[in-house]
Amino acid sequence: MSKNRHKALNLTDDKVLEMYKTMLLARKLDERMWLLNRAGKIPFVISCQGQEAAQVGASFALDREKDYAAPYYRDMGVVLAFGMTAKELMLSGFAKAEDPNSGGRQMPGHFGQKKNRILTGSSPVTTQLPHAVGVALAAKMEKESFVSFVTLGEGSSNQGDFHEGLNFAGVHKLPVITMVENNKYAISVPIEKQLASETVAERGQSYGMPGVTVDGNDPLAVYEAVKTARERAVNGEGPSLIEAITYRLTAHSSDDDDRLYRESNEVEEARKNDSIITFAAYLKDNGILTDESEKELNDDIANLVNEATDYAENAPYAEPEDALKFVYEE
C-alpha cells in the first residue's frame, strides 16, 4: 500500500488505527472461539478470519449512528464496528441467556441487535438481502437519509433472494448497498463451479446498478467503494453492488474439514495477503503504529478477550421454560 492513502480518503490517523483495532479484535475473538470449541466448551464456530478488512473497511464508511446493517454469519467485524461488544459475542458463542442476538436460542453468527440497528439474521443464506431492501424502501418512503448495508458470501449470490432483492432495489432506486464477500468457496464448492459470469459485480448491471470489484484484503479500498456507494444512495441515485475479493483462512465452520477440497499450500499462500499483517505494515510505514504500541494493543485485546470469555463462561443459561417464549403471541 502506498503511503498516506488514508489521508486522501479524509481518514485521520486515529480513525485508521481504530479500524485496525476492530479488525484485530475480530480476529482474536474468532481464534479464541476455535480453542473453546476444540475444548468442548462452545458448540459451533463460523469464522471471519481472512475477511476482517472487507467487513471493517465497509462499516467505517457508513454512518454507524443511523444506517442499518444486515450482516451474514461471518460478519464479526461488521457487528463489532456497529457496537456489539466482545462480551456479547462470547455470550452468543456460549449460548447464554444474556446473548443479545437470541438469548442463546440461535447458533453463533445469527446476529441481531435492535439498539445498534443490526437486523436479525436467519439460517437460510441470503434471506437478509430482501430484508435490507425492505429497510431501504422504508427509508425512501419516510424520506429519511439512512441507508441499509447487507453482506453475503459469493455462494449466496446464486440464491433467488439475491436476484429478487437486487431487482426490486434497482427498479425502485432504493438506498441499499450490497457487499458480496467473495472468499472463493461456497462451503466446499470453488468459485469456478459456482458462477458462469466472470465476476459477481457484473451482475449489478442487470439490475440497474453499478457493480464494482475491489481488493477485500485492503480495508481502504473497501472503505472508498462503500463511501462512494453511500453517497450515491443518499443522493437518491439508488443501490450499488460491491464485490470484495478475499479469502477464507479457516474451514467453512467447526464442522467442516477443508482438507477434503483444497490444498494446504493454497491457504498458506493466501496467508501472505492476510490483512491483519498487511494493514499493520501500512500503519507502521505511516508512523501510526510502532512495535511498542502494537504490543500494547495486542495485550489490551488479549485482556478484553479473556474478560469476555470468563464472563460468558460463568454467565447463566436461559431457564428451560424460556424456550416457550416468543414462539407464539403471548
C-alpha atoms as a PDB file:
ATOM      1  CA  MET A   1       0.000   0.000   0.000  1.00  0.00           C
ATOM      2  CA  SER A   2       1.363   3.422  -0.926  1.00  0.00           C
ATOM      3  CA  LYS A   3       1.939   5.998   1.795  1.00  0.00           C
ATOM      4  CA  ASN A   4      -0.782   8.247   3.218  1.00  0.00           C
ATOM      5  CA  ARG A   5      -3.609   6.676   1.231  1.00  0.00           C
ATOM      6  CA  HIS A   6      -5.912   7.182   4.204  1.00  0.00           C
ATOM      7  CA  LYS A   7      -5.299  10.945   4.104  1.00  0.00           C
ATOM      8  CA  ALA A   8      -6.560  11.089   0.517  1.00  0.00           C
ATOM      9  CA  LEU A   9      -9.767   9.463   1.805  1.00  0.00           C
ATOM     10  CA  ASN A  10     -10.073  12.069   4.605  1.00  0.00           C
ATOM     11  CA  LEU A  11      -9.383   9.413   7.240  1.00  0.00           C
ATOM     12  CA  THR A  12      -7.389  10.525  10.287  1.00  0.00           C
ATOM     13  CA  ASP A  13      -4.543   8.529  11.794  1.00  0.00           C
ATOM     14  CA  ASP A  14      -6.776   7.797  14.795  1.00  0.00           C
ATOM     15  CA  LYS A  15      -9.566   6.513  12.561  1.00  0.00           C
ATOM     16  CA  VAL A  16      -7.386   4.051  10.635  1.00  0.00           C
ATOM     17  CA  LEU A  17      -5.878   2.867  13.910  1.00  0.00           C
ATOM     18  CA  GLU A  18      -9.417   2.269  15.197  1.00  0.00           C
ATOM     19  CA  MET A  19     -10.134   0.266  12.032  1.00  0.00           C
ATOM     20  CA  TYR A  20      -7.088  -1.899  12.709  1.00  0.00           C
ATOM     21  CA  LYS A  21      -8.088  -2.405  16.358  1.00  0.00           C
ATOM     22  CA  THR A  22     -11.550  -3.575  15.277  1.00  0.00           C
ATOM     23  CA  MET A  23     -10.061  -5.990  12.730  1.00  0.00           C
ATOM     24  CA  LEU A  24      -7.636  -7.349  15.322  1.00  0.00           C
ATOM     25  CA  LEU A  25     -10.354  -7.770  17.960  1.00  0.00           C
ATOM     26  CA  ALA A  26     -12.474  -9.730  15.481  1.00  0.00           C
ATOM     27  CA  ARG A  27      -9.504 -11.976  14.692  1.00  0.00           C
ATOM     28  CA  LYS A  28      -8.587 -12.611  18.338  1.00  0.00           C
ATOM     29  CA  LEU A  29     -12.188 -13.335  19.354  1.00  0.00           C
ATOM     30  CA  ASP A  30     -12.514 -15.742  16.450  1.00  0.00           C
ATOM     31  CA  GLU A  31      -9.264 -17.540  17.329  1.00  0.00           C
ATOM     32  CA  ARG A  32     -10.405 -17.882  20.946  1.00  0.00           C
ATOM     33  CA  MET A  33     -13.738 -19.337  19.850  1.00  0.00           C
ATOM     34  CA  TRP A  34     -11.962 -22.079  17.898  1.00  0.00           C
ATOM     35  CA  LEU A  35      -9.963 -23.010  21.003  1.00  0.00           C
ATOM     36  CA  LEU A  36     -13.128 -23.068  23.104  1.00  0.00           C
ATOM     37  CA  ASN A  37     -14.858 -25.219  20.505  1.00  0.00           C
ATOM     38  CA  ARG A  38     -11.982 -27.702  20.386  1.00  0.00           C
ATOM     39  CA  ALA A  39     -12.032 -27.807  24.193  1.00  0.00           C
ATOM     40  CA  GLY A  40     -15.726 -28.775  24.059  1.00  0.00           C
ATOM     41  CA  LYS A  41     -16.892 -25.552  25.689  1.00  0.00           C
ATOM     42  CA  ILE A  42     -18.809 -23.950  22.831  1.00  0.00           C
ATOM     43  CA  PRO A  43     -20.718 -25.928  20.209  1.00  0.00           C
ATOM     44  CA  PHE A  44     -20.012 -24.182  16.926  1.00  0.00           C
ATOM     45  CA  VAL A  45     -17.807 -21.588  15.216  1.00  0.00           C
ATOM     46  CA  ILE A  46     -18.231 -19.991  11.809  1.00  0.00           C
ATOM     47  CA  SER A  47     -15.224 -17.868  11.127  1.00  0.00           C
ATOM     48  CA  CYS A  48     -14.433 -14.333   9.955  1.00  0.00           C
ATOM     49  CA  GLN A  49     -10.688 -14.978   9.638  1.00  0.00           C
ATOM     50  CA  GLY A  50      -9.339 -13.505   6.413  1.00  0.00           C
ATOM     51  CA  GLN A  51     -12.375 -11.284   5.811  1.00  0.00           C
ATOM     52  CA  GLU A  52     -11.940  -8.658   8.531  1.00  0.00           C
ATOM     53  CA  ALA A  53     -10.578  -5.949   6.208  1.00  0.00           C
ATOM     54  CA  ALA A  54     -13.669  -6.024   3.987  1.00  0.00           C
ATOM     55  CA  GLN A  55     -16.029  -6.072   6.956  1.00  0.00           C
ATOM     56  CA  VAL A  56     -14.397  -3.262   8.915  1.00  0.00           C
ATOM     57  CA  GLY A  57     -13.438  -1.100   5.934  1.00  0.00           C
ATOM     58  CA  ALA A  58     -17.064  -1.156   4.765  1.00  0.00           C
ATOM     59  CA  SER A  59     -18.547  -0.466   8.203  1.00  0.00           C
ATOM     60  CA  PHE A  60     -16.344   2.577   8.785  1.00  0.00           C
ATOM     61  CA  ALA A  61     -17.607   4.090   5.505  1.00  0.00           C
ATOM     62  CA  LEU A  62     -21.184   4.019   6.817  1.00  0.00           C
ATOM     63  CA  ASP A  63     -22.979   6.280   9.285  1.00  0.00           C
ATOM     64  CA  ARG A  64     -22.991   3.881  12.226  1.00  0.00           C
ATOM     65  CA  GLU A  65     -25.280   6.190  14.185  1.00  0.00           C
ATOM     66  CA  LYS A  66     -28.202   5.767  11.784  1.00  0.00           C
ATOM     67  CA  ASP A  67     -27.535   3.249   8.979  1.00  0.00           C
ATOM     68  CA  TYR A  68     -28.814  -0.327   9.248  1.00  0.00           C
ATOM     69  CA  ALA A  69     -26.710  -3.464   8.791  1.00  0.00           C
ATOM     70  CA  ALA A  70     -27.975  -6.870   7.689  1.00  0.00           C
ATOM     71  CA  PRO A  71     -24.845  -8.953   8.223  1.00  0.00           C
ATOM     72  CA  TYR A  72     -24.225 -12.528   7.198  1.00  0.00           C
ATOM     73  CA  TYR A  73     -22.907 -15.172   9.566  1.00  0.00           C
ATOM     74  CA  ARG A  74     -19.169 -14.395   9.182  1.00  0.00           C
ATOM     75  CA  ASP A  75     -19.527 -10.690   9.898  1.00  0.00           C
ATOM     76  CA  MET A  76     -17.952 -10.351  13.327  1.00  0.00           C
ATOM     77  CA  GLY A  77     -16.035  -7.318  12.034  1.00  0.00           C
ATOM     78  CA  VAL A  78     -19.272  -5.613  10.953  1.00  0.00           C
ATOM     79  CA  VAL A  79     -21.144  -6.153  14.206  1.00  0.00           C
ATOM     80  CA  LEU A  80     -18.165  -5.072  16.338  1.00  0.00           C
ATOM     81  CA  ALA A  81     -17.909  -1.889  14.259  1.00  0.00           C
ATOM     82  CA  PHE A  82     -21.647  -1.286  14.714  1.00  0.00           C
ATOM     83  CA  GLY A  83     -21.356  -1.502  18.503  1.00  0.00           C
ATOM     84  CA  MET A  84     -21.671  -5.122  19.591  1.00  0.00           C
ATOM     85  CA  THR A  85     -19.128  -5.938  22.302  1.00  0.00           C
ATOM     86  CA  ALA A  86     -16.627  -8.759  22.780  1.00  0.00           C
ATOM     87  CA  LYS A  87     -18.602  -9.871  25.845  1.00  0.00           C
ATOM     88  CA  GLU A  88     -21.861 -10.013  23.873  1.00  0.00           C
ATOM     89  CA  LEU A  89     -20.264 -12.091  21.110  1.00  0.00           C
ATOM     90  CA  MET A  90     -18.853 -14.526  23.668  1.00  0.00           C
ATOM     91  CA  LEU A  91     -22.265 -14.819  25.333  1.00  0.00           C
ATOM     92  CA  SER A  92     -23.572 -15.821  21.914  1.00  0.00           C
ATOM     93  CA  GLY A  93     -20.798 -18.395  21.482  1.00  0.00           C
ATOM     94  CA  PHE A  94     -21.613 -19.967  24.832  1.00  0.00           C
ATOM     95  CA  ALA A  95     -25.392 -19.707  24.119  1.00  0.00           C
ATOM     96  CA  LYS A  96     -26.107 -17.929  27.395  1.00  0.00           C
ATOM     97  CA  ALA A  97     -29.280 -16.127  28.483  1.00  0.00           C
ATOM     98  CA  GLU A  98     -27.698 -12.685  28.075  1.00  0.00           C
ATOM     99  CA  ASP A  99     -26.778 -13.288  24.430  1.00  0.00           C
ATOM    100  CA  PRO A 100     -28.227 -10.157  22.754  1.00  0.00           C
ATOM    101  CA  ASN A 101     -28.729 -11.919  19.423  1.00  0.00           C
ATOM    102  CA  SER A 102     -31.234 -14.520  20.564  1.00  0.00           C
ATOM    103  CA  GLY A 103     -30.892 -15.246  24.265  1.00  0.00           C
ATOM    104  CA  GLY A 104     -28.956 -18.394  23.392  1.00  0.00           C
ATOM    105  CA  ARG A 105     -31.607 -19.758  21.020  1.00  0.00           C
ATOM    106  CA  GLN A 106     -29.713 -19.353  17.754  1.00  0.00           C
ATOM    107  CA  MET A 107     -26.369 -20.687  16.565  1.00  0.00           C
ATOM    108  CA  PRO A 108     -23.456 -18.229  16.720  1.00  0.00           C
ATOM    109  CA  GLY A 109     -23.276 -15.933  13.701  1.00  0.00           C
ATOM    110  CA  HIS A 110     -27.028 -15.249  13.706  1.00  0.00           C
ATOM    111  CA  PHE A 111     -26.512 -11.623  14.622  1.00  0.00           C
ATOM    112  CA  GLY A 112     -29.244  -9.214  15.655  1.00  0.00           C
ATOM    113  CA  GLN A 113     -29.296  -6.207  17.970  1.00  0.00           C
ATOM    114  CA  LYS A 114     -32.037  -3.624  17.778  1.00  0.00           C
ATOM    115  CA  LYS A 115     -30.220  -0.782  19.575  1.00  0.00           C
ATOM    116  CA  ASN A 116     -27.333  -0.932  17.087  1.00  0.00           C
ATOM    117  CA  ARG A 117     -29.643  -1.370  14.066  1.00  0.00           C
ATOM    118  CA  ILE A 118     -28.303  -4.848  13.270  1.00  0.00           C
ATOM    119  CA  LEU A 119     -31.105  -6.787  11.573  1.00  0.00           C
ATOM    120  CA  THR A 120     -31.685 -10.296  12.869  1.00  0.00           C
ATOM    121  CA  GLY A 121     -30.230 -12.944  10.589  1.00  0.00           C
ATOM    122  CA  SER A 122     -31.670 -16.344   9.755  1.00  0.00           C
ATOM    123  CA  SER A 123     -30.128 -19.721   8.887  1.00  0.00           C
ATOM    124  CA  PRO A 124     -31.138 -19.960   5.191  1.00  0.00           C
ATOM    125  CA  VAL A 125     -28.489 -17.977   3.319  1.00  0.00           C
ATOM    126  CA  THR A 126     -29.296 -14.654   1.610  1.00  0.00           C
ATOM    127  CA  THR A 127     -32.657 -14.139   3.314  1.00  0.00           C
ATOM    128  CA  GLN A 128     -31.119 -10.987   4.817  1.00  0.00           C
ATOM    129  CA  LEU A 129     -30.905  -9.312   1.393  1.00  0.00           C
ATOM    130  CA  PRO A 130     -34.654  -8.756   0.817  1.00  0.00           C
ATOM    131  CA  HIS A 131     -34.872  -7.608   4.463  1.00  0.00           C
ATOM    132  CA  ALA A 132     -32.202  -4.963   3.838  1.00  0.00           C
ATOM    133  CA  VAL A 133     -34.038  -3.908   0.685  1.00  0.00           C
ATOM    134  CA  GLY A 134     -37.202  -3.538   2.782  1.00  0.00           C
ATOM    135  CA  VAL A 135     -35.374  -1.253   5.213  1.00  0.00           C
ATOM    136  CA  ALA A 136     -34.148   0.814   2.249  1.00  0.00           C
ATOM    137  CA  LEU A 137     -37.724   1.016   0.957  1.00  0.00           C
ATOM    138  CA  ALA A 138     -38.773   2.361   4.371  1.00  0.00           C
ATOM    139  CA  ALA A 139     -36.005   4.994   4.166  1.00  0.00           C
ATOM    140  CA  LYS A 140     -37.316   6.126   0.787  1.00  0.00           C
ATOM    141  CA  MET A 141     -40.979   6.133   1.866  1.00  0.00           C
ATOM    142  CA  GLU A 142     -40.211   8.056   5.058  1.00  0.00           C
ATOM    143  CA  LYS A 143     -37.793  10.390   3.206  1.00  0.00           C
ATOM    144  CA  GLU A 144     -35.036   9.551   5.691  1.00  0.00           C
ATOM    145  CA  SER A 145     -31.329   9.790   4.848  1.00  0.00           C
ATOM    146  CA  PHE A 146     -30.168   6.433   6.252  1.00  0.00           C
ATOM    147  CA  VAL A 147     -29.026   3.546   4.063  1.00  0.00           C
ATOM    148  CA  SER A 148     -29.084  -0.187   4.594  1.00  0.00           C
ATOM    149  CA  PHE A 149     -25.982  -2.304   4.154  1.00  0.00           C
ATOM    150  CA  VAL A 150     -26.164  -6.041   3.523  1.00  0.00           C
ATOM    151  CA  THR A 151     -23.430  -8.650   3.133  1.00  0.00           C
ATOM    152  CA  LEU A 152     -23.295 -12.217   1.901  1.00  0.00           C
ATOM    153  CA  GLY A 153     -20.863 -14.770   0.530  1.00  0.00           C
ATOM    154  CA  GLU A 154     -20.428 -15.282  -3.217  1.00  0.00           C
ATOM    155  CA  GLY A 155     -22.089 -18.710  -2.965  1.00  0.00           C
ATOM    156  CA  SER A 156     -25.223 -16.974  -1.699  1.00  0.00           C
ATOM    157  CA  SER A 157     -25.277 -14.735  -4.774  1.00  0.00           C
ATOM    158  CA  ASN A 158     -26.679 -17.721  -6.675  1.00  0.00           C
ATOM    159  CA  GLN A 159     -29.782 -17.898  -4.497  1.00  0.00           C
ATOM    160  CA  GLY A 160     -33.111 -16.487  -5.620  1.00  0.00           C
ATOM    161  CA  ASP A 161     -33.243 -13.930  -2.793  1.00  0.00           C
ATOM    162  CA  PHE A 162     -30.141 -12.205  -4.181  1.00  0.00           C
ATOM    163  CA  HIS A 163     -31.703 -11.657  -7.598  1.00  0.00           C
ATOM    164  CA  GLU A 164     -35.177 -10.766  -6.326  1.00  0.00           C
ATOM    165  CA  GLY A 165     -33.767  -8.347  -3.779  1.00  0.00           C
ATOM    166  CA  LEU A 166     -31.418  -6.596  -6.205  1.00  0.00           C
ATOM    167  CA  ASN A 167     -34.075  -6.403  -8.896  1.00  0.00           C
ATOM    168  CA  PHE A 168     -36.562  -4.757  -6.504  1.00  0.00           C
ATOM    169  CA  ALA A 169     -33.868  -2.369  -5.242  1.00  0.00           C
ATOM    170  CA  GLY A 170     -32.899  -1.436  -8.799  1.00  0.00           C
ATOM    171  CA  VAL A 171     -36.466  -0.901 -10.007  1.00  0.00           C
ATOM    172  CA  HIS A 172     -37.300   1.366  -7.048  1.00  0.00           C
ATOM    173  CA  LYS A 173     -33.843   3.036  -6.814  1.00  0.00           C
ATOM    174  CA  LEU A 174     -33.500   2.159  -3.135  1.00  0.00           C
ATOM    175  CA  PRO A 175     -30.662   3.261  -0.824  1.00  0.00           C
ATOM    176  CA  VAL A 176     -29.199  -0.197  -0.214  1.00  0.00           C
ATOM    177  CA  ILE A 177     -25.572  -1.291  -0.537  1.00  0.00           C
ATOM    178  CA  THR A 178     -24.973  -4.995  -1.153  1.00  0.00           C
ATOM    179  CA  MET A 179     -21.458  -6.263  -0.485  1.00  0.00           C
ATOM    180  CA  VAL A 180     -20.513  -9.773  -1.541  1.00  0.00           C
ATOM    181  CA  GLU A 181     -17.546 -11.091   0.433  1.00  0.00           C
ATOM    182  CA  ASN A 182     -16.077 -13.363  -2.222  1.00  0.00           C
ATOM    183  CA  ASN A 183     -13.914 -15.797  -0.246  1.00  0.00           C
ATOM    184  CA  LYS A 184     -13.628 -18.239  -3.186  1.00  0.00           C
ATOM    185  CA  TYR A 185     -15.597 -21.131  -1.644  1.00  0.00           C
ATOM    186  CA  ALA A 186     -19.287 -21.892  -1.097  1.00  0.00           C
ATOM    187  CA  ILE A 187     -18.544 -24.387   1.677  1.00  0.00           C
ATOM    188  CA  SER A 188     -16.599 -26.895  -0.481  1.00  0.00           C
ATOM    189  CA  VAL A 189     -17.523 -25.596  -3.942  1.00  0.00           C
ATOM    190  CA  PRO A 190     -14.846 -23.387  -5.575  1.00  0.00           C
ATOM    191  CA  ILE A 191     -15.793 -20.171  -7.346  1.00  0.00           C
ATOM    192  CA  GLU A 192     -15.322 -21.581 -10.873  1.00  0.00           C
ATOM    193  CA  LYS A 193     -18.043 -24.154 -10.192  1.00  0.00           C
ATOM    194  CA  GLN A 194     -20.428 -21.565  -8.731  1.00  0.00           C
ATOM    195  CA  LEU A 195     -20.512 -18.736 -11.273  1.00  0.00           C
ATOM    196  CA  ALA A 196     -20.733 -18.670 -15.047  1.00  0.00           C
ATOM    197  CA  SER A 197     -20.095 -14.917 -15.068  1.00  0.00           C
ATOM    198  CA  GLU A 198     -16.571 -13.547 -14.768  1.00  0.00           C
ATOM    199  CA  THR A 199     -17.404 -11.677 -11.547  1.00  0.00           C
ATOM    200  CA  VAL A 200     -20.291 -11.258  -9.123  1.00  0.00           C
ATOM    201  CA  ALA A 201     -20.086  -7.470  -9.585  1.00  0.00           C
ATOM    202  CA  GLU A 202     -21.066  -7.573 -13.259  1.00  0.00           C
ATOM    203  CA  ARG A 203     -24.479  -8.916 -12.258  1.00  0.00           C
ATOM    204  CA  GLY A 204     -25.282  -5.437 -10.950  1.00  0.00           C
ATOM    205  CA  GLN A 205     -25.881  -4.022 -14.429  1.00  0.00           C
ATOM    206  CA  SER A 206     -28.731  -6.496 -14.948  1.00  0.00           C
ATOM    207  CA  TYR A 207     -30.498  -4.805 -12.069  1.00  0.00           C
ATOM    208  CA  GLY A 208     -29.754  -1.206 -12.988  1.00  0.00           C
ATOM    209  CA  MET A 209     -26.958  -0.519 -10.523  1.00  0.00           C
ATOM    210  CA  PRO A 210     -23.187  -0.169 -10.679  1.00  0.00           C
ATOM    211  CA  GLY A 211     -21.184  -3.232  -9.719  1.00  0.00           C
ATOM    212  CA  VAL A 212     -17.571  -2.832  -8.623  1.00  0.00           C
ATOM    213  CA  THR A 213     -14.912  -5.383  -7.677  1.00  0.00           C
ATOM    214  CA  VAL A 214     -12.383  -4.357  -5.019  1.00  0.00           C
ATOM    215  CA  ASP A 215      -9.498  -5.925  -3.124  1.00  0.00           C
ATOM    216  CA  GLY A 216     -11.216  -7.221   0.006  1.00  0.00           C
ATOM    217  CA  ASN A 217      -7.873  -7.564   1.801  1.00  0.00           C
ATOM    218  CA  ASP A 218      -7.414  -3.787   1.604  1.00  0.00           C
ATOM    219  CA  PRO A 219      -9.666  -2.003   4.123  1.00  0.00           C
ATOM    220  CA  LEU A 220      -9.022   1.384   2.482  1.00  0.00           C
ATOM    221  CA  ALA A 221     -10.125   0.152  -0.963  1.00  0.00           C
ATOM    222  CA  VAL A 222     -13.312  -1.268   0.537  1.00  0.00           C
ATOM    223  CA  TYR A 223     -13.868   1.923   2.557  1.00  0.00           C
ATOM    224  CA  GLU A 224     -13.610   4.015  -0.618  1.00  0.00           C
ATOM    225  CA  ALA A 225     -16.041   1.808  -2.580  1.00  0.00           C
ATOM    226  CA  VAL A 226     -18.644   1.781   0.185  1.00  0.00           C
ATOM    227  CA  LYS A 227     -18.248   5.535   0.803  1.00  0.00           C
ATOM    228  CA  THR A 228     -18.979   6.185  -2.880  1.00  0.00           C
ATOM    229  CA  ALA A 229     -21.960   3.810  -2.782  1.00  0.00           C
ATOM    230  CA  ARG A 230     -23.351   5.545   0.302  1.00  0.00           C
ATOM    231  CA  GLU A 231     -23.081   8.972  -1.332  1.00  0.00           C
ATOM    232  CA  ARG A 232     -24.999   7.653  -4.340  1.00  0.00           C
ATOM    233  CA  ALA A 233     -27.656   6.157  -2.076  1.00  0.00           C
ATOM    234  CA  VAL A 234     -28.319   9.308  -0.013  1.00  0.00           C
ATOM    235  CA  ASN A 235     -28.357  11.416  -3.202  1.00  0.00           C
ATOM    236  CA  GLY A 236     -31.265   9.338  -4.495  1.00  0.00           C
ATOM    237  CA  GLU A 237     -29.166   7.585  -7.153  1.00  0.00           C
ATOM    238  CA  GLY A 238     -30.120   4.121  -5.964  1.00  0.00           C
ATOM    239  CA  PRO A 239     -28.383   0.901  -4.956  1.00  0.00           C
ATOM    240  CA  SER A 240     -24.855  -0.413  -5.507  1.00  0.00           C
ATOM    241  CA  LEU A 241     -23.291  -3.862  -5.663  1.00  0.00           C
ATOM    242  CA  ILE A 242     -19.745  -4.299  -4.338  1.00  0.00           C
ATOM    243  CA  GLU A 243     -17.700  -7.486  -4.636  1.00  0.00           C
ATOM    244  CA  ALA A 244     -14.829  -7.665  -2.145  1.00  0.00           C
ATOM    245  CA  ILE A 245     -12.324 -10.336  -3.209  1.00  0.00           C
ATOM    246  CA  THR A 246     -10.994 -12.011  -0.089  1.00  0.00           C
ATOM    247  CA  TYR A 247     -10.126 -15.475   1.201  1.00  0.00           C
ATOM    248  CA  ARG A 248     -11.392 -17.736   3.956  1.00  0.00           C
ATOM    249  CA  LEU A 249      -8.390 -18.746   6.066  1.00  0.00           C
ATOM    250  CA  THR A 250     -10.265 -21.383   8.089  1.00  0.00           C
ATOM    251  CA  ALA A 251     -12.552 -24.271   7.290  1.00  0.00           C
ATOM    252  CA  HIS A 252     -16.141 -23.257   6.457  1.00  0.00           C
ATOM    253  CA  SER A 253     -17.085 -23.902  10.079  1.00  0.00           C
ATOM    254  CA  SER A 254     -16.008 -26.007  13.036  1.00  0.00           C
ATOM    255  CA  ASP A 255     -17.975 -28.896  11.490  1.00  0.00           C
ATOM    256  CA  ASP A 256     -16.102 -28.793   8.169  1.00  0.00           C
ATOM    257  CA  ASP A 257     -12.847 -30.447   7.080  1.00  0.00           C
ATOM    258  CA  ASP A 258     -11.467 -28.193   4.344  1.00  0.00           C
ATOM    259  CA  ARG A 259      -8.573 -30.583   3.656  1.00  0.00           C
ATOM    260  CA  LEU A 260     -11.033 -32.597   1.577  1.00  0.00           C
ATOM    261  CA  TYR A 261     -11.443 -29.873  -1.065  1.00  0.00           C
ATOM    262  CA  ARG A 262      -8.443 -27.507  -1.003  1.00  0.00           C
ATOM    263  CA  GLU A 263      -4.683 -27.857  -0.710  1.00  0.00           C
ATOM    264  CA  SER A 264      -2.957 -26.577   2.421  1.00  0.00           C
ATOM    265  CA  ASN A 265      -0.400 -24.691   0.308  1.00  0.00           C
ATOM    266  CA  GLU A 266      -3.259 -22.649  -1.212  1.00  0.00           C
ATOM    267  CA  VAL A 267      -4.229 -21.485   2.280  1.00  0.00           C
ATOM    268  CA  GLU A 268      -0.605 -20.768   3.213  1.00  0.00           C
ATOM    269  CA  GLU A 269      -0.199 -18.681   0.062  1.00  0.00           C
ATOM    270  CA  ALA A 270      -3.335 -16.693   0.962  1.00  0.00           C
ATOM    271  CA  ARG A 271      -1.921 -16.018   4.433  1.00  0.00           C
ATOM    272  CA  LYS A 272       0.763 -13.856   2.804  1.00  0.00           C
ATOM    273  CA  ASN A 273      -2.017 -11.367   1.981  1.00  0.00           C
ATOM    274  CA  ASP A 274      -3.608 -11.559   5.440  1.00  0.00           C
ATOM    275  CA  SER A 275      -4.951  -8.047   6.071  1.00  0.00           C
ATOM    276  CA  ILE A 276      -4.049  -8.198   9.763  1.00  0.00           C
ATOM    277  CA  ILE A 277      -0.387  -8.324   8.689  1.00  0.00           C
ATOM    278  CA  THR A 278      -0.534  -6.068   5.622  1.00  0.00           C
ATOM    279  CA  PHE A 279      -2.588  -3.300   7.270  1.00  0.00           C
ATOM    280  CA  ALA A 280      -0.324  -3.315  10.340  1.00  0.00           C
ATOM    281  CA  ALA A 281       2.626  -2.870   7.949  1.00  0.00           C
ATOM    282  CA  TYR A 282       0.851   0.072   6.285  1.00  0.00           C
ATOM    283  CA  LEU A 283       0.230   1.710   9.677  1.00  0.00           C
ATOM    284  CA  LYS A 284       3.886   1.246  10.628  1.00  0.00           C
ATOM    285  CA  ASP A 285       5.048   2.730   7.304  1.00  0.00           C
ATOM    286  CA  ASN A 286       2.962   5.787   8.093  1.00  0.00           C
ATOM    287  CA  GLY A 287       4.197   6.109  11.669  1.00  0.00           C
ATOM    288  CA  ILE A 288       0.760   5.378  13.139  1.00  0.00           C
ATOM    289  CA  LEU A 289       1.771   2.079  14.741  1.00  0.00           C
ATOM    290  CA  THR A 290       5.105   1.153  16.331  1.00  0.00           C
ATOM    291  CA  ASP A 291       6.363  -2.211  17.549  1.00  0.00           C
ATOM    292  CA  GLU A 292       5.809  -0.941  21.079  1.00  0.00           C
ATOM    293  CA  SER A 293       2.254   0.325  20.541  1.00  0.00           C
ATOM    294  CA  GLU A 294       1.431  -2.867  18.612  1.00  0.00           C
ATOM    295  CA  LYS A 295       2.477  -4.979  21.598  1.00  0.00           C
ATOM    296  CA  GLU A 296       0.400  -2.769  23.908  1.00  0.00           C
ATOM    297  CA  LEU A 297      -2.596  -3.097  21.594  1.00  0.00           C
ATOM    298  CA  ASN A 298      -2.244  -6.893  21.449  1.00  0.00           C
ATOM    299  CA  ASP A 299      -2.028  -7.034  25.268  1.00  0.00           C
ATOM    300  CA  ASP A 300      -5.155  -4.866  25.640  1.00  0.00           C
ATOM    301  CA  ILE A 301      -7.107  -7.026  23.205  1.00  0.00           C
ATOM    302  CA  ALA A 302      -5.906 -10.236  24.898  1.00  0.00           C
ATOM    303  CA  ASN A 303      -7.223  -8.873  28.219  1.00  0.00           C
ATOM    304  CA  LEU A 304     -10.532  -7.927  26.604  1.00  0.00           C
ATOM    305  CA  VAL A 305     -10.928 -11.404  25.081  1.00  0.00           C
ATOM    306  CA  ASN A 306     -10.015 -13.077  28.393  1.00  0.00           C
ATOM    307  CA  GLU A 307     -12.550 -10.964  30.313  1.00  0.00           C
ATOM    308  CA  ALA A 308     -15.252 -11.663  27.735  1.00  0.00           C
ATOM    309  CA  THR A 309     -14.510 -15.401  27.847  1.00  0.00           C
ATOM    310  CA  ASP A 310     -14.552 -15.584  31.655  1.00  0.00           C
ATOM    311  CA  TYR A 311     -17.747 -13.572  31.907  1.00  0.00           C
ATOM    312  CA  ALA A 312     -19.599 -15.582  29.257  1.00  0.00           C
ATOM    313  CA  GLU A 313     -18.418 -18.957  30.541  1.00  0.00           C
ATOM    314  CA  ASN A 314     -19.712 -18.164  34.024  1.00  0.00           C
ATOM    315  CA  ALA A 315     -22.943 -16.450  32.921  1.00  0.00           C
ATOM    316  CA  PRO A 316     -26.226 -18.338  33.456  1.00  0.00           C
ATOM    317  CA  TYR A 317     -28.019 -20.271  30.762  1.00  0.00           C
ATOM    318  CA  ALA A 318     -31.615 -19.412  29.973  1.00  0.00           C
ATOM    319  CA  GLU A 319     -34.279 -21.182  32.037  1.00  0.00           C
ATOM    320  CA  PRO A 320     -35.649 -24.273  30.226  1.00  0.00           C
ATOM    321  CA  GLU A 321     -39.175 -22.815  30.168  1.00  0.00           C
ATOM    322  CA  ASP A 322     -37.826 -19.745  28.312  1.00  0.00           C
ATOM    323  CA  ALA A 323     -37.781 -21.976  25.222  1.00  0.00           C
ATOM    324  CA  LEU A 324     -41.554 -21.425  25.085  1.00  0.00           C
ATOM    325  CA  LYS A 325     -41.231 -17.613  24.979  1.00  0.00           C
ATOM    326  CA  PHE A 326     -41.745 -15.619  21.767  1.00  0.00           C
ATOM    327  CA  VAL A 327     -42.821 -18.691  19.812  1.00  0.00           C
ATOM    328  CA  TYR A 328     -46.468 -17.704  19.545  1.00  0.00           C
ATOM    329  CA  GLU A 329     -48.031 -14.406  20.524  1.00  0.00           C
ATOM    330  CA  GLU A 330     -48.386 -14.406  24.301  1.00  0.00           C
END
